[in-house]
Amino acid sequence: MEVHEGQLRVESFDARLARFQEELIQLVGPERSLSDELVAERRAEARREQEDSDRDREAITERMERAG
């Protein structure tokens, strides 16, 4: 529900969702997939975390080998 120009508007969830989706398409463009971008960002972050973890593991292994 919302008040617009002194009138109370009632809109179903499905109608509101459809309107929101259309507004979003107007902002980002129909060819752009925000979910695909999010997945790509998460995968890149996971790769960076794995690389950091691998470097840490290698450094610890080297220290252990030198110690003994």
N, C-alpha and C. Protein backbone atom coordinates (compact mmCIF):
# COMPACT_ATOMS: atom_id res chain seq x y z
N MET A 1 0.84 -1.18 0.00
CA MET A 1 0.00 0.00 0.00
C MET A 1 0.89 1.24 0.00
N GLU A 2 0.38 2.28 -0.63
CA GLU A 2 1.07 3.56 -0.61
C GLU A 2 0.07 4.68 -0.86
N VAL A 3 0.40 5.83 -0.37
CA VAL A 3 -0.42 7.01 -0.63
C VAL A 3 0.26 7.78 -1.75
N HIS A 4 -0.48 8.06 -2.80
CA HIS A 4 0.05 8.78 -3.96
C HIS A 4 -0.95 9.86 -4.34
N GLU A 5 -0.51 11.12 -4.25
CA GLU A 5 -1.36 12.27 -4.57
C GLU A 5 -2.69 12.21 -3.81
N GLY A 6 -2.60 11.88 -2.53
CA GLY A 6 -3.77 11.88 -1.67
C GLY A 6 -4.66 10.66 -1.82
N GLN A 7 -4.23 9.68 -2.62
CA GLN A 7 -5.03 8.47 -2.81
C GLN A 7 -4.27 7.28 -2.25
N LEU A 8 -5.01 6.38 -1.62
CA LEU A 8 -4.42 5.15 -1.10
C LEU A 8 -4.45 4.12 -2.21
N ARG A 9 -3.29 3.62 -2.56
CA ARG A 9 -3.18 2.59 -3.61
C ARG A 9 -2.87 1.25 -2.95
N VAL A 10 -3.59 0.24 -3.39
CA VAL A 10 -3.35 -1.12 -2.92
C VAL A 10 -2.94 -1.93 -4.15
N GLU A 11 -1.82 -2.64 -4.03
CA GLU A 11 -1.29 -3.38 -5.16
C GLU A 11 -0.90 -4.77 -4.69
N SER A 12 -1.20 -5.77 -5.48
CA SER A 12 -0.83 -7.13 -5.09
C SER A 12 0.69 -7.28 -5.10
N PHE A 13 1.17 -8.29 -4.38
CA PHE A 13 2.60 -8.54 -4.35
C PHE A 13 3.13 -8.82 -5.75
N ASP A 14 2.43 -9.65 -6.52
CA ASP A 14 2.88 -10.00 -7.86
C ASP A 14 2.95 -8.78 -8.78
N ALA A 15 1.94 -7.90 -8.67
CA ALA A 15 1.94 -6.69 -9.49
C ALA A 15 3.08 -5.76 -9.09
N ARG A 16 3.30 -5.63 -7.79
CA ARG A 16 4.40 -4.78 -7.29
C ARG A 16 5.75 -5.33 -7.74
N LEU A 17 5.92 -6.65 -7.64
CA LEU A 17 7.17 -7.29 -8.07
C LEU A 17 7.41 -7.07 -9.56
N ALA A 18 6.37 -7.24 -10.37
CA ALA A 18 6.52 -7.04 -11.80
C ALA A 18 6.91 -5.60 -12.11
N ARG A 19 6.29 -4.64 -11.41
CA ARG A 19 6.62 -3.23 -11.62
C ARG A 19 8.06 -2.94 -11.21
N PHE A 20 8.48 -3.51 -10.09
CA PHE A 20 9.86 -3.33 -9.62
C PHE A 20 10.85 -3.91 -10.63
N GLN A 21 10.54 -5.09 -11.15
CA GLN A 21 11.43 -5.71 -12.14
C GLN A 21 11.55 -4.85 -13.39
N GLU A 22 10.46 -4.29 -13.83
CA GLU A 22 10.50 -3.41 -15.00
C GLU A 22 11.34 -2.17 -14.73
N GLU A 23 11.20 -1.60 -13.54
CA GLU A 23 12.00 -0.43 -13.19
C GLU A 23 13.49 -0.79 -13.15
N LEU A 24 13.81 -1.96 -12.64
CA LEU A 24 15.20 -2.41 -12.57
C LEU A 24 15.77 -2.61 -13.97
N ILE A 25 14.99 -3.19 -14.85
CA ILE A 25 15.43 -3.38 -16.24
C ILE A 25 15.73 -2.03 -16.89
N GLN A 26 14.91 -1.04 -16.59
CA GLN A 26 15.14 0.29 -17.15
C GLN A 26 16.45 0.88 -16.64
N LEU A 27 16.80 0.57 -15.39
CA LEU A 27 18.03 1.10 -14.80
C LEU A 27 19.28 0.41 -15.31
N VAL A 28 19.27 -0.92 -15.39
CA VAL A 28 20.49 -1.66 -15.72
C VAL A 28 20.51 -2.17 -17.15
N GLY A 29 19.37 -2.18 -17.82
CA GLY A 29 19.30 -2.67 -19.20
C GLY A 29 18.89 -4.13 -19.24
N PRO A 30 18.19 -4.52 -20.27
CA PRO A 30 17.67 -5.88 -20.35
C PRO A 30 18.74 -6.94 -20.62
N GLU A 31 19.88 -6.53 -21.18
CA GLU A 31 20.92 -7.50 -21.53
C GLU A 31 21.83 -7.83 -20.35
N ARG A 32 21.73 -7.08 -19.27
CA ARG A 32 22.62 -7.26 -18.12
C ARG A 32 21.97 -8.16 -17.08
N SER A 33 22.72 -9.15 -16.59
CA SER A 33 22.22 -10.07 -15.59
C SER A 33 22.95 -9.82 -14.27
N LEU A 34 22.25 -9.20 -13.33
CA LEU A 34 22.86 -8.92 -12.04
C LEU A 34 23.19 -10.20 -11.29
N SER A 35 22.35 -11.23 -11.44
CA SER A 35 22.64 -12.49 -10.75
C SER A 35 23.90 -13.13 -11.31
N ASP A 36 24.10 -13.08 -12.63
CA ASP A 36 25.33 -13.62 -13.22
C ASP A 36 26.54 -12.85 -12.74
N GLU A 37 26.41 -11.53 -12.61
CA GLU A 37 27.52 -10.72 -12.11
C GLU A 37 27.84 -11.07 -10.67
N LEU A 38 26.82 -11.29 -9.87
CA LEU A 38 27.04 -11.66 -8.47
C LEU A 38 27.74 -13.00 -8.37
N VAL A 39 27.30 -13.98 -9.15
CA VAL A 39 27.93 -15.29 -9.14
C VAL A 39 29.39 -15.18 -9.55
N ALA A 40 29.67 -14.40 -10.60
CA ALA A 40 31.05 -14.22 -11.06
C ALA A 40 31.91 -13.57 -9.98
N GLU A 41 31.36 -12.57 -9.29
CA GLU A 41 32.10 -11.92 -8.21
C GLU A 41 32.41 -12.90 -7.08
N ARG A 42 31.43 -13.71 -6.72
CA ARG A 42 31.62 -14.68 -5.63
C ARG A 42 32.65 -15.73 -6.01
N ARG A 43 32.62 -16.18 -7.26
CA ARG A 43 33.61 -17.17 -7.72
C ARG A 43 35.01 -16.58 -7.71
N ALA A 44 35.15 -15.34 -8.14
CA ALA A 44 36.46 -14.68 -8.13
C ALA A 44 36.97 -14.55 -6.70
N GLU A 45 36.09 -14.18 -5.78
CA GLU A 45 36.48 -14.06 -4.38
C GLU A 45 36.90 -15.42 -3.81
N ALA A 46 36.18 -16.47 -4.16
CA ALA A 46 36.52 -17.82 -3.70
C ALA A 46 37.90 -18.23 -4.23
N ARG A 47 38.18 -17.89 -5.50
CA ARG A 47 39.51 -18.19 -6.06
C ARG A 47 40.60 -17.46 -5.30
N ARG A 48 40.37 -16.17 -5.02
CA ARG A 48 41.37 -15.40 -4.27
C ARG A 48 41.59 -15.98 -2.88
N GLU A 49 40.51 -16.37 -2.22
CA GLU A 49 40.65 -16.96 -0.89
C GLU A 49 41.40 -18.28 -0.95
N GLN A 50 41.14 -19.08 -1.99
CA GLN A 50 41.84 -20.35 -2.14
C GLN A 50 43.33 -20.11 -2.40
N GLU A 51 43.65 -19.13 -3.23
CA GLU A 51 45.05 -18.81 -3.50
C GLU A 51 45.75 -18.34 -2.23
N ASP A 52 45.09 -17.50 -1.45
CA ASP A 52 45.66 -17.05 -0.17
C ASP A 52 45.90 -18.23 0.76
N SER A 53 44.94 -19.12 0.82
CA SER A 53 45.06 -20.29 1.68
C SER A 53 46.21 -21.19 1.23
N ASP A 54 46.33 -21.37 -0.08
CA ASP A 54 47.42 -22.19 -0.63
C ASP A 54 48.78 -21.57 -0.29
N ARG A 55 48.90 -20.24 -0.44
CA ARG A 55 50.16 -19.57 -0.10
C ARG A 55 50.49 -19.73 1.39
N ASP A 56 49.49 -19.57 2.23
CA ASP A 56 49.70 -19.73 3.67
C ASP A 56 50.15 -21.15 4.00
N ARG A 57 49.50 -22.13 3.38
CA ARG A 57 49.85 -23.53 3.62
C ARG A 57 51.29 -23.81 3.18
N GLU A 58 51.67 -23.28 2.02
CA GLU A 58 53.03 -23.48 1.53
C GLU A 58 54.05 -22.84 2.47
N ALA A 59 53.76 -21.65 2.96
CA ALA A 59 54.68 -20.96 3.87
C ALA A 59 54.83 -21.74 5.16
N ILE A 60 53.75 -22.27 5.69
CA ILE A 60 53.83 -23.05 6.93
C ILE A 60 54.61 -24.34 6.70
N THR A 61 54.38 -24.99 5.58
CA THR A 61 55.10 -26.22 5.25
C THR A 61 56.60 -25.95 5.15
N GLU A 62 56.97 -24.86 4.48
CA GLU A 62 58.39 -24.50 4.34
C GLU A 62 59.03 -24.25 5.70
N ARG A 63 58.32 -23.52 6.57
CA ARG A 63 58.85 -23.26 7.90
C ARG A 63 59.03 -24.55 8.70
N MET A 64 58.08 -25.44 8.58
CA MET A 64 58.17 -26.71 9.31
C MET A 64 59.35 -27.55 8.81
N GLU A 65 59.54 -27.54 7.48
CA GLU A 65 60.65 -28.32 6.89
C GLU A 65 61.99 -27.73 7.33
N ARG A 66 62.11 -26.41 7.40
CA ARG A 66 63.35 -25.78 7.82
C ARG A 66 63.62 -26.04 9.31
N ALA A 67 62.54 -26.11 10.08
CA ALA A 67 62.70 -26.29 11.52
C ALA A 67 63.08 -27.75 11.86
N GLY A 68 62.73 -28.61 10.99
CA GLY A 68 63.10 -29.85 11.40
C GLY A 68 63.05 -31.15 11.02
